[in-house]
Amino acid sequence: MTSLTFTHEPDASRYTLHRGDDLVSVLDYRDDGRTVAMTRAYTVPGFRGHGYAGELVDRAVTLLEGQQNRQVIPVCWYVADWFAEHPERGGILQHRATA
């Protein structure tokens, strides 16, 4: 099995996942210094259905949890669904203030 490589490309505001030399999935974000708004998870059509987007979100969240200075806003529906399926990881989510 070809190994997966996770990269953070801060100049492009994205995380990527490669299988060998192939780019398989991208997670775009906006970082304002306090929060990371995950805006789009995308998997290259030929690689869909293998869990790559989920693996990418998992690795990005793990990286951000390790930094302990950012909260996540799941703008992308896929990222929101991922957090709904992994409630144990919800501690990093930004919670809306209530009036």
PDB file of N, CA and C in Angstrom:
ATOM      1  N   MET A   1       0.832  -1.185   0.000  1.00  0.00           N
ATOM      2  CA  MET A   1       0.000   0.000   0.000  1.00  0.00           C
ATOM      3  C   MET A   1       0.875   1.246   0.000  1.00  0.00           C
ATOM      4  N   THR A   2       0.519   2.216  -0.807  1.00  0.00           N
ATOM      5  CA  THR A   2       1.253   3.465  -0.884  1.00  0.00           C
ATOM      6  C   THR A   2       0.933   4.316   0.335  1.00  0.00           C
ATOM      7  N   SER A   3       1.965   4.895   0.924  1.00  0.00           N
ATOM      8  CA  SER A   3       1.754   5.675   2.141  1.00  0.00           C
ATOM      9  C   SER A   3       1.141   7.038   1.828  1.00  0.00           C
ATOM     10  N   LEU A   4       0.483   7.592   2.843  1.00  0.00           N
ATOM     11  CA  LEU A   4      -0.129   8.906   2.728  1.00  0.00           C
ATOM     12  C   LEU A   4       0.792   9.948   3.356  1.00  0.00           C
ATOM     13  N   THR A   5       0.877  11.100   2.715  1.00  0.00           N
ATOM     14  CA  THR A   5       1.694  12.191   3.213  1.00  0.00           C
ATOM     15  C   THR A   5       0.808  13.401   3.442  1.00  0.00           C
ATOM     16  N   PHE A   6       0.824  13.907   4.667  1.00  0.00           N
ATOM     17  CA  PHE A   6       0.055  15.089   5.058  1.00  0.00           C
ATOM     18  C   PHE A   6       0.988  16.291   5.038  1.00  0.00           C
ATOM     19  N   THR A   7       0.550  17.369   4.418  1.00  0.00           N
ATOM     20  CA  THR A   7       1.356  18.595   4.418  1.00  0.00           C
ATOM     21  C   THR A   7       0.483  19.788   4.762  1.00  0.00           C
ATOM     22  N   HIS A   8       1.112  20.775   5.390  1.00  0.00           N
ATOM     23  CA  HIS A   8       0.471  22.059   5.669  1.00  0.00           C
ATOM     24  C   HIS A   8       1.156  23.073   4.781  1.00  0.00           C
ATOM     25  N   GLU A   9       0.362  23.781   3.985  1.00  0.00           N
ATOM     26  CA  GLU A   9       0.883  24.795   3.081  1.00  0.00           C
ATOM     27  C   GLU A   9       0.306  26.141   3.503  1.00  0.00           C
ATOM     28  N   PRO A  10       0.909  26.776   4.526  1.00  0.00           N
ATOM     29  CA  PRO A  10       0.328  28.009   5.057  1.00  0.00           C
ATOM     30  C   PRO A  10       0.263  29.152   4.037  1.00  0.00           C
ATOM     31  N   ASP A  11       1.198  29.212   3.103  1.00  0.00           N
ATOM     32  CA  ASP A  11       1.157  30.268   2.088  1.00  0.00           C
ATOM     33  C   ASP A  11      -0.053  30.130   1.178  1.00  0.00           C
ATOM     34  N   ALA A  12      -0.559  28.912   1.019  1.00  0.00           N
ATOM     35  CA  ALA A  12      -1.744  28.656   0.201  1.00  0.00           C
ATOM     36  C   ALA A  12      -2.999  28.487   1.058  1.00  0.00           C
ATOM     37  N   SER A  13      -2.858  28.596   2.384  1.00  0.00           N
ATOM     38  CA  SER A  13      -3.962  28.403   3.331  1.00  0.00           C
ATOM     39  C   SER A  13      -4.678  27.083   3.090  1.00  0.00           C
ATOM     40  N   ARG A  14      -3.880  26.004   3.084  1.00  0.00           N
ATOM     41  CA  ARG A  14      -4.478  24.692   2.878  1.00  0.00           C
ATOM     42  C   ARG A  14      -3.621  23.588   3.479  1.00  0.00           C
ATOM     43  N   TYR A  15      -4.302  22.487   3.735  1.00  0.00           N
ATOM     44  CA  TYR A  15      -3.665  21.233   4.105  1.00  0.00           C
ATOM     45  C   TYR A  15      -3.868  20.295   2.923  1.00  0.00           C
ATOM     46  N   THR A  16      -2.911  19.413   2.691  1.00  0.00           N
ATOM     47  CA  THR A  16      -3.047  18.482   1.578  1.00  0.00           C
ATOM     48  C   THR A  16      -2.717  17.062   2.028  1.00  0.00           C
ATOM     49  N   LEU A  17      -3.244  16.120   1.258  1.00  0.00           N
ATOM     50  CA  LEU A  17      -2.945  14.713   1.478  1.00  0.00           C
ATOM     51  C   LEU A  17      -2.553  14.123   0.134  1.00  0.00           C
ATOM     52  N   HIS A  18      -1.374  13.501   0.114  1.00  0.00           N
ATOM     53  CA  HIS A  18      -0.870  12.844  -1.095  1.00  0.00           C
ATOM     54  C   HIS A  18      -0.783  11.353  -0.849  1.00  0.00           C
ATOM     55  N   ARG A  19      -1.060  10.581  -1.873  1.00  0.00           N
ATOM     56  CA  ARG A  19      -0.799   9.139  -1.873  1.00  0.00           C
ATOM     57  C   ARG A  19       0.306   8.932  -2.881  1.00  0.00           C
ATOM     58  N   GLY A  20       1.491   8.640  -2.385  1.00  0.00           N
ATOM     59  CA  GLY A  20       2.655   8.604  -3.276  1.00  0.00           C
ATOM     60  C   GLY A  20       2.872   9.999  -3.846  1.00  0.00           C
ATOM     61  N   ASP A  21       2.954  10.104  -5.168  1.00  0.00           N
ATOM     62  CA  ASP A  21       3.138  11.394  -5.828  1.00  0.00           C
ATOM     63  C   ASP A  21       1.814  12.078  -6.163  1.00  0.00           C
ATOM     64  N   ASP A  22       0.700  11.414  -5.920  1.00  0.00           N
ATOM     65  CA  ASP A  22      -0.611  11.943  -6.310  1.00  0.00           C
ATOM     66  C   ASP A  22      -1.258  12.767  -5.207  1.00  0.00           C
ATOM     67  N   LEU A  23      -1.694  13.977  -5.556  1.00  0.00           N
ATOM     68  CA  LEU A  23      -2.508  14.782  -4.659  1.00  0.00           C
ATOM     69  C   LEU A  23      -3.899  14.159  -4.646  1.00  0.00           C
ATOM     70  N   VAL A  24      -4.376  13.778  -3.459  1.00  0.00           N
ATOM     71  CA  VAL A  24      -5.679  13.126  -3.394  1.00  0.00           C
ATOM     72  C   VAL A  24      -6.747  13.984  -2.731  1.00  0.00           C
ATOM     73  N   SER A  25      -6.358  14.867  -1.802  1.00  0.00           N
ATOM     74  CA  SER A  25      -7.360  15.664  -1.096  1.00  0.00           C
ATOM     75  C   SER A  25      -6.750  16.967  -0.599  1.00  0.00           C
ATOM     76  N   VAL A  26      -7.612  18.008  -0.542  1.00  0.00           N
ATOM     77  CA  VAL A  26      -7.205  19.344  -0.118  1.00  0.00           C
ATOM     78  C   VAL A  26      -8.226  19.860   0.889  1.00  0.00           C
ATOM     79  N   LEU A  27      -7.744  20.539   1.920  1.00  0.00           N
ATOM     80  CA  LEU A  27      -8.597  21.200   2.902  1.00  0.00           C
ATOM     81  C   LEU A  27      -8.181  22.662   2.975  1.00  0.00           C
ATOM     82  N   ASP A  28      -9.028  23.547   2.451  1.00  0.00           N
ATOM     83  CA  ASP A  28      -8.760  24.983   2.457  1.00  0.00           C
ATOM     84  C   ASP A  28      -9.243  25.591   3.765  1.00  0.00           C
ATOM     85  N   TYR A  29      -8.581  26.661   4.203  1.00  0.00           N
ATOM     86  CA  TYR A  29      -8.976  27.314   5.447  1.00  0.00           C
ATOM     87  C   TYR A  29      -8.637  28.800   5.417  1.00  0.00           C
ATOM     88  N   ARG A  30      -9.223  29.522   6.372  1.00  0.00           N
ATOM     89  CA  ARG A  30      -8.872  30.914   6.655  1.00  0.00           C
ATOM     90  C   ARG A  30      -8.489  30.977   8.125  1.00  0.00           C
ATOM     91  N   ASP A  31      -7.347  31.565   8.423  1.00  0.00           N
ATOM     92  CA  ASP A  31      -6.841  31.651   9.790  1.00  0.00           C
ATOM     93  C   ASP A  31      -6.715  33.122  10.168  1.00  0.00           C
ATOM     94  N   ASP A  32      -7.453  33.551  11.193  1.00  0.00           N
ATOM     95  CA  ASP A  32      -7.376  34.953  11.618  1.00  0.00           C
ATOM     96  C   ASP A  32      -6.498  35.145  12.846  1.00  0.00           C
ATOM     97  N   GLY A  33      -5.752  34.109  13.215  1.00  0.00           N
ATOM     98  CA  GLY A  33      -4.880  34.190  14.382  1.00  0.00           C
ATOM     99  C   GLY A  33      -5.506  33.612  15.639  1.00  0.00           C
ATOM    100  N   ARG A  34      -6.829  33.495  15.670  1.00  0.00           N
ATOM    101  CA  ARG A  34      -7.546  32.894  16.792  1.00  0.00           C
ATOM    102  C   ARG A  34      -8.348  31.679  16.354  1.00  0.00           C
ATOM    103  N   THR A  35      -8.945  31.792  15.164  1.00  0.00           N
ATOM    104  CA  THR A  35      -9.780  30.709  14.657  1.00  0.00           C
ATOM    105  C   THR A  35      -9.313  30.285  13.271  1.00  0.00           C
ATOM    106  N   VAL A  36      -9.580  29.026  12.975  1.00  0.00           N
ATOM    107  CA  VAL A  36      -9.321  28.474  11.655  1.00  0.00           C
ATOM    108  C   VAL A  36     -10.671  28.065  11.085  1.00  0.00           C
ATOM    109  N   ALA A  37     -11.112  28.798  10.070  1.00  0.00           N
ATOM    110  CA  ALA A  37     -12.363  28.475   9.398  1.00  0.00           C
ATOM    111  C   ALA A  37     -12.037  27.500   8.280  1.00  0.00           C
ATOM    112  N   MET A  38     -12.472  26.267   8.427  1.00  0.00           N
ATOM    113  CA  MET A  38     -12.237  25.253   7.394  1.00  0.00           C
ATOM    114  C   MET A  38     -13.338  25.415   6.342  1.00  0.00           C
ATOM    115  N   THR A  39     -12.933  25.916   5.184  1.00  0.00           N
ATOM    116  CA  THR A  39     -13.905  26.382   4.196  1.00  0.00           C
ATOM    117  C   THR A  39     -14.236  25.389   3.094  1.00  0.00           C
ATOM    118  N   ARG A  40     -13.326  24.460   2.804  1.00  0.00           N
ATOM    119  CA  ARG A  40     -13.613  23.521   1.708  1.00  0.00           C
ATOM    120  C   ARG A  40     -12.737  22.289   1.829  1.00  0.00           C
ATOM    121  N   ALA A  41     -13.379  21.129   1.839  1.00  0.00           N
ATOM    122  CA  ALA A  41     -12.679  19.851   1.741  1.00  0.00           C
ATOM    123  C   ALA A  41     -12.973  19.310   0.348  1.00  0.00           C
ATOM    124  N   TYR A  42     -11.918  18.924  -0.347  1.00  0.00           N
ATOM    125  CA  TYR A  42     -12.069  18.465  -1.735  1.00  0.00           C
ATOM    126  C   TYR A  42     -11.199  17.242  -1.956  1.00  0.00           C
ATOM    127  N   THR A  43     -11.773  16.235  -2.571  1.00  0.00           N
ATOM    128  CA  THR A  43     -11.009  15.060  -2.975  1.00  0.00           C
ATOM    129  C   THR A  43     -11.058  14.958  -4.492  1.00  0.00           C
ATOM    130  N   VAL A  44      -9.911  14.717  -5.094  1.00  0.00           N
ATOM    131  CA  VAL A  44      -9.818  14.554  -6.545  1.00  0.00           C
ATOM    132  C   VAL A  44     -10.763  13.427  -6.957  1.00  0.00           C
ATOM    133  N   PRO A  45     -11.602  13.646  -7.976  1.00  0.00           N
ATOM    134  CA  PRO A  45     -12.640  12.667  -8.324  1.00  0.00           C
ATOM    135  C   PRO A  45     -12.172  11.219  -8.424  1.00  0.00           C
ATOM    136  N   GLY A  46     -11.029  10.954  -9.009  1.00  0.00           N
ATOM    137  CA  GLY A  46     -10.556   9.581  -9.158  1.00  0.00           C
ATOM    138  C   GLY A  46     -10.185   8.902  -7.848  1.00  0.00           C
ATOM    139  N   PHE A  47     -10.110   9.683  -6.758  1.00  0.00           N
ATOM    140  CA  PHE A  47      -9.713   9.139  -5.462  1.00  0.00           C
ATOM    141  C   PHE A  47     -10.852   9.154  -4.441  1.00  0.00           C
ATOM    142  N   ARG A  48     -12.035   9.565  -4.851  1.00  0.00           N
ATOM    143  CA  ARG A  48     -13.168   9.637  -3.928  1.00  0.00           C
ATOM    144  C   ARG A  48     -13.616   8.249  -3.488  1.00  0.00           C
ATOM    145  N   GLY A  49     -14.205   8.211  -2.306  1.00  0.00           N
ATOM    146  CA  GLY A  49     -14.751   6.958  -1.793  1.00  0.00           C
ATOM    147  C   GLY A  49     -13.767   6.118  -1.004  1.00  0.00           C
ATOM    148  N   HIS A  50     -12.594   6.663  -0.709  1.00  0.00           N
ATOM    149  CA  HIS A  50     -11.574   5.912   0.028  1.00  0.00           C
ATOM    150  C   HIS A  50     -11.284   6.496   1.405  1.00  0.00           C
ATOM    151  N   GLY A  51     -12.044   7.522   1.807  1.00  0.00           N
ATOM    152  CA  GLY A  51     -11.856   8.106   3.133  1.00  0.00           C
ATOM    153  C   GLY A  51     -10.745   9.125   3.229  1.00  0.00           C
ATOM    154  N   TYR A  52     -10.233   9.590   2.093  1.00  0.00           N
ATOM    155  CA  TYR A  52      -9.109  10.532   2.137  1.00  0.00           C
ATOM    156  C   TYR A  52      -9.477  11.867   2.764  1.00  0.00           C
ATOM    157  N   ALA A  53     -10.655  12.405   2.470  1.00  0.00           N
ATOM    158  CA  ALA A  53     -11.050  13.692   3.053  1.00  0.00           C
ATOM    159  C   ALA A  53     -11.155  13.570   4.572  1.00  0.00           C
ATOM    160  N   GLY A  54     -11.721  12.477   5.047  1.00  0.00           N
ATOM    161  CA  GLY A  54     -11.814  12.260   6.484  1.00  0.00           C
ATOM    162  C   GLY A  54     -10.451  12.150   7.137  1.00  0.00           C
ATOM    163  N   GLU A  55      -9.544  11.458   6.476  1.00  0.00           N
ATOM    164  CA  GLU A  55      -8.177  11.337   6.989  1.00  0.00           C
ATOM    165  C   GLU A  55      -7.498  12.706   7.037  1.00  0.00           C
ATOM    166  N   LEU A  56      -7.731  13.516   6.018  1.00  0.00           N
ATOM    167  CA  LEU A  56      -7.130  14.850   5.960  1.00  0.00           C
ATOM    168  C   LEU A  56      -7.677  15.734   7.073  1.00  0.00           C
ATOM    169  N   VAL A  57      -8.985  15.739   7.267  1.00  0.00           N
ATOM    170  CA  VAL A  57      -9.572  16.541   8.343  1.00  0.00           C
ATOM    171  C   VAL A  57      -9.026  16.066   9.692  1.00  0.00           C
ATOM    172  N   ASP A  58      -8.955  14.758   9.893  1.00  0.00           N
ATOM    173  CA  ASP A  58      -8.430  14.207  11.143  1.00  0.00           C
ATOM    174  C   ASP A  58      -7.008  14.705  11.407  1.00  0.00           C
ATOM    175  N   ARG A  59      -6.166  14.651  10.403  1.00  0.00           N
ATOM    176  CA  ARG A  59      -4.773  15.072  10.598  1.00  0.00           C
ATOM    177  C   ARG A  59      -4.672  16.577  10.828  1.00  0.00           C
ATOM    178  N   ALA A  60      -5.486  17.372  10.139  1.00  0.00           N
ATOM    179  CA  ALA A  60      -5.467  18.822  10.343  1.00  0.00           C
ATOM    180  C   ALA A  60      -5.943  19.174  11.752  1.00  0.00           C
ATOM    181  N   VAL A  61      -7.006  18.516  12.210  1.00  0.00           N
ATOM    182  CA  VAL A  61      -7.512  18.765  13.557  1.00  0.00           C
ATOM    183  C   VAL A  61      -6.475  18.353  14.597  1.00  0.00           C
ATOM    184  N   THR A  62      -5.819  17.228  14.387  1.00  0.00           N
ATOM    185  CA  THR A  62      -4.764  16.789  15.303  1.00  0.00           C
ATOM    186  C   THR A  62      -3.657  17.824  15.391  1.00  0.00           C
ATOM    187  N   LEU A  63      -3.243  18.366  14.254  1.00  0.00           N
ATOM    188  CA  LEU A  63      -2.209  19.398  14.236  1.00  0.00           C
ATOM    189  C   LEU A  63      -2.661  20.626  15.022  1.00  0.00           C
ATOM    190  N   LEU A  64      -3.882  21.073  14.778  1.00  0.00           N
ATOM    191  CA  LEU A  64      -4.396  22.257  15.472  1.00  0.00           C
ATOM    192  C   LEU A  64      -4.582  22.005  16.965  1.00  0.00           C
ATOM    193  N   GLU A  65      -5.006  20.817  17.344  1.00  0.00           N
ATOM    194  CA  GLU A  65      -5.131  20.482  18.766  1.00  0.00           C
ATOM    195  C   GLU A  65      -3.773  20.574  19.454  1.00  0.00           C
ATOM    196  N   GLY A  66      -2.732  20.169  18.761  1.00  0.00           N
ATOM    197  CA  GLY A  66      -1.383  20.225  19.317  1.00  0.00           C
ATOM    198  C   GLY A  66      -0.881  21.643  19.512  1.00  0.00           C
ATOM    199  N   GLN A  67      -1.370  22.572  18.726  1.00  0.00           N
ATOM    200  CA  GLN A  67      -0.945  23.966  18.849  1.00  0.00           C
ATOM    201  C   GLN A  67      -1.624  24.652  20.026  1.00  0.00           C
ATOM    202  N   GLN A  68      -2.801  24.215  20.396  1.00  0.00           N
ATOM    203  CA  GLN A  68      -3.557  24.699  21.549  1.00  0.00           C
ATOM    204  C   GLN A  68      -3.831  26.201  21.536  1.00  0.00           C
ATOM    205  N   ASN A  69      -3.764  26.838  20.373  1.00  0.00           N
ATOM    206  CA  ASN A  69      -4.023  28.278  20.338  1.00  0.00           C
ATOM    207  C   ASN A  69      -5.026  28.657  19.253  1.00  0.00           C
ATOM    208  N   ARG A  70      -5.729  27.686  18.707  1.00  0.00           N
ATOM    209  CA  ARG A  70      -6.706  27.950  17.657  1.00  0.00           C
ATOM    210  C   ARG A  70      -7.986  27.170  17.946  1.00  0.00           C
ATOM    211  N   GLN A  71      -9.090  27.747  17.513  1.00  0.00           N
ATOM    212  CA  GLN A  71     -10.361  27.046  17.514  1.00  0.00           C
ATOM    213  C   GLN A  71     -10.795  26.904  16.067  1.00  0.00           C
ATOM    214  N   VAL A  72     -11.603  25.907  15.797  1.00  0.00           N
ATOM    215  CA  VAL A  72     -12.034  25.611  14.427  1.00  0.00           C
ATOM    216  C   VAL A  72     -13.484  26.045  14.231  1.00  0.00           C
ATOM    217  N   ILE A  73     -13.735  26.641  13.075  1.00  0.00           N
ATOM    218  CA  ILE A  73     -15.088  26.931  12.624  1.00  0.00           C
ATOM    219  C   ILE A  73     -15.315  26.066  11.388  1.00  0.00           C
ATOM    220  N   PRO A  74     -16.212  25.086  11.453  1.00  0.00           N
ATOM    221  CA  PRO A  74     -16.431  24.188  10.309  1.00  0.00           C
ATOM    222  C   PRO A  74     -17.406  24.797   9.292  1.00  0.00           C
ATOM    223  N   VAL A  75     -16.895  25.647   8.417  1.00  0.00           N
ATOM    224  CA  VAL A  75     -17.717  26.296   7.393  1.00  0.00           C
ATOM    225  C   VAL A  75     -18.178  25.276   6.350  1.00  0.00           C
ATOM    226  N   CYS A  76     -17.276  24.413   5.935  1.00  0.00           N
ATOM    227  CA  CYS A  76     -17.572  23.381   4.929  1.00  0.00           C
ATOM    228  C   CYS A  76     -18.506  22.319   5.524  1.00  0.00           C
ATOM    229  N   TRP A  77     -19.511  21.931   4.752  1.00  0.00           N
ATOM    230  CA  TRP A  77     -20.467  20.924   5.226  1.00  0.00           C
ATOM    231  C   TRP A  77     -19.775  19.610   5.575  1.00  0.00           C
ATOM    232  N   TYR A  78     -18.757  19.243   4.812  1.00  0.00           N
ATOM    233  CA  TYR A  78     -18.079  17.975   5.075  1.00  0.00           C
ATOM    234  C   TYR A  78     -17.383  18.016   6.429  1.00  0.00           C
ATOM    235  N   VAL A  79     -16.728  19.130   6.718  1.00  0.00           N
ATOM    236  CA  VAL A  79     -16.034  19.273   7.998  1.00  0.00           C
ATOM    237  C   VAL A  79     -17.046  19.264   9.148  1.00  0.00           C
ATOM    238  N   ALA A  80     -18.178  19.951   8.971  1.00  0.00           N
ATOM    239  CA  ALA A  80     -19.223  19.943   9.996  1.00  0.00           C
ATOM    240  C   ALA A  80     -19.725  18.523  10.239  1.00  0.00           C
ATOM    241  N   ASP A  81     -19.945  17.775   9.158  1.00  0.00           N
ATOM    242  CA  ASP A  81     -20.378  16.382   9.297  1.00  0.00           C
ATOM    243  C   ASP A  81     -19.312  15.540   9.991  1.00  0.00           C
ATOM    244  N   TRP A  82     -18.039  15.784   9.684  1.00  0.00           N
ATOM    245  CA  TRP A  82     -16.949  15.044  10.303  1.00  0.00           C
ATOM    246  C   TRP A  82     -16.965  15.255  11.819  1.00  0.00           C
ATOM    247  N   PHE A  83     -17.133  16.506  12.240  1.00  0.00           N
ATOM    248  CA  PHE A  83     -17.191  16.786  13.675  1.00  0.00           C
ATOM    249  C   PHE A  83     -18.422  16.153  14.311  1.00  0.00           C
ATOM    250  N   ALA A  84     -19.543  16.119  13.594  1.00  0.00           N
ATOM    251  CA  ALA A  84     -20.751  15.475  14.120  1.00  0.00           C
ATOM    252  C   ALA A  84     -20.515  13.977  14.332  1.00  0.00           C
ATOM    253  N   GLU A  85     -19.699  13.368  13.473  1.00  0.00           N
ATOM    254  CA  GLU A  85     -19.383  11.946  13.591  1.00  0.00           C
ATOM    255  C   GLU A  85     -18.268  11.669  14.604  1.00  0.00           C
ATOM    256  N   HIS A  86     -17.552  12.718  15.014  1.00  0.00           N
ATOM    257  CA  HIS A  86     -16.446  12.583  15.966  1.00  0.00           C
ATOM    258  C   HIS A  86     -16.630  13.584  17.113  1.00  0.00           C
ATOM    259  N   PRO A  87     -17.705  13.436  17.901  1.00  0.00           N
ATOM    260  CA  PRO A  87     -17.967  14.424  18.959  1.00  0.00           C
ATOM    261  C   PRO A  87     -16.853  14.518  19.991  1.00  0.00           C
ATOM    262  N   GLU A  88     -16.059  13.461  20.122  1.00  0.00           N
ATOM    263  CA  GLU A  88     -14.939  13.489  21.065  1.00  0.00           C
ATOM    264  C   GLU A  88     -13.873  14.502  20.664  1.00  0.00           C
ATOM    265  N   ARG A  89     -13.904  14.965  19.434  1.00  0.00           N
ATOM    266  CA  ARG A  89     -12.924  15.948  18.943  1.00  0.00           C
ATOM    267  C   ARG A  89     -13.485  17.372  18.983  1.00  0.00           C
ATOM    268  N   GLY A  90     -14.705  17.539  19.467  1.00  0.00           N
ATOM    269  CA  GLY A  90     -15.384  18.828  19.435  1.00  0.00           C
ATOM    270  C   GLY A  90     -14.835  19.888  20.367  1.00  0.00           C
ATOM    271  N   GLY A  91     -13.903  19.542  21.230  1.00  0.00           N
ATOM    272  CA  GLY A  91     -13.331  20.525  22.146  1.00  0.00           C
ATOM    273  C   GLY A  91     -12.618  21.664  21.449  1.00  0.00           C
ATOM    274  N   ILE A  92     -12.222  21.462  20.207  1.00  0.00           N
ATOM    275  CA  ILE A  92     -11.498  22.495  19.465  1.00  0.00           C
ATOM    276  C   ILE A  92     -12.446  23.436  18.717  1.00  0.00           C
ATOM    277  N   LEU A  93     -13.729  23.100  18.694  1.00  0.00           N
ATOM    278  CA  LEU A  93     -14.684  23.926  17.956  1.00  0.00           C
ATOM    279  C   LEU A  93     -14.933  25.246  18.671  1.00  0.00           C
ATOM    280  N   GLN A  94     -15.093  26.295  17.891  1.00  0.00           N
ATOM    281  CA  GLN A  94     -15.487  27.579  18.466  1.00  0.00           C
ATOM    282  C   GLN A  94     -16.987  27.522  18.731  1.00  0.00           C
ATOM    283  N   HIS A  95     -17.357  27.851  19.923  1.00  0.00           N
ATOM    284  CA  HIS A  95     -18.769  27.840  20.282  1.00  0.00           C
ATOM    285  C   HIS A  95     -19.294  29.253  20.234  1.00  0.00           C
ATOM    286  N   ARG A  96     -20.456  29.385  19.662  1.00  0.00           N
ATOM    287  CA  ARG A  96     -21.062  30.719  19.541  1.00  0.00           C
ATOM    288  C   ARG A  96     -21.482  31.218  20.917  1.00  0.00           C
ATOM    289  N   ALA A  97     -21.256  32.496  21.114  1.00  0.00           N
ATOM    290  CA  ALA A  97     -21.676  33.114  22.374  1.00  0.00           C
ATOM    291  C   ALA A  97     -23.192  33.219  22.400  1.00  0.00           C
ATOM    292  N   THR A  98     -23.756  32.995  23.540  1.00  0.00           N
ATOM    293  CA  THR A  98     -25.200  33.136  23.677  1.00  0.00           C
ATOM    294  C   THR A  98     -25.499  34.442  24.391  1.00  0.00           C
ATOM    295  N   ALA A  99     -26.600  35.048  23.998  1.00  0.00           N
ATOM    296  CA  ALA A  99     -26.964  36.359  24.577  1.00  0.00           C
ATOM    297  C   ALA A  99     -27.640  36.192  25.912  1.00  0.00           C
TER     298      ALA A  99
END
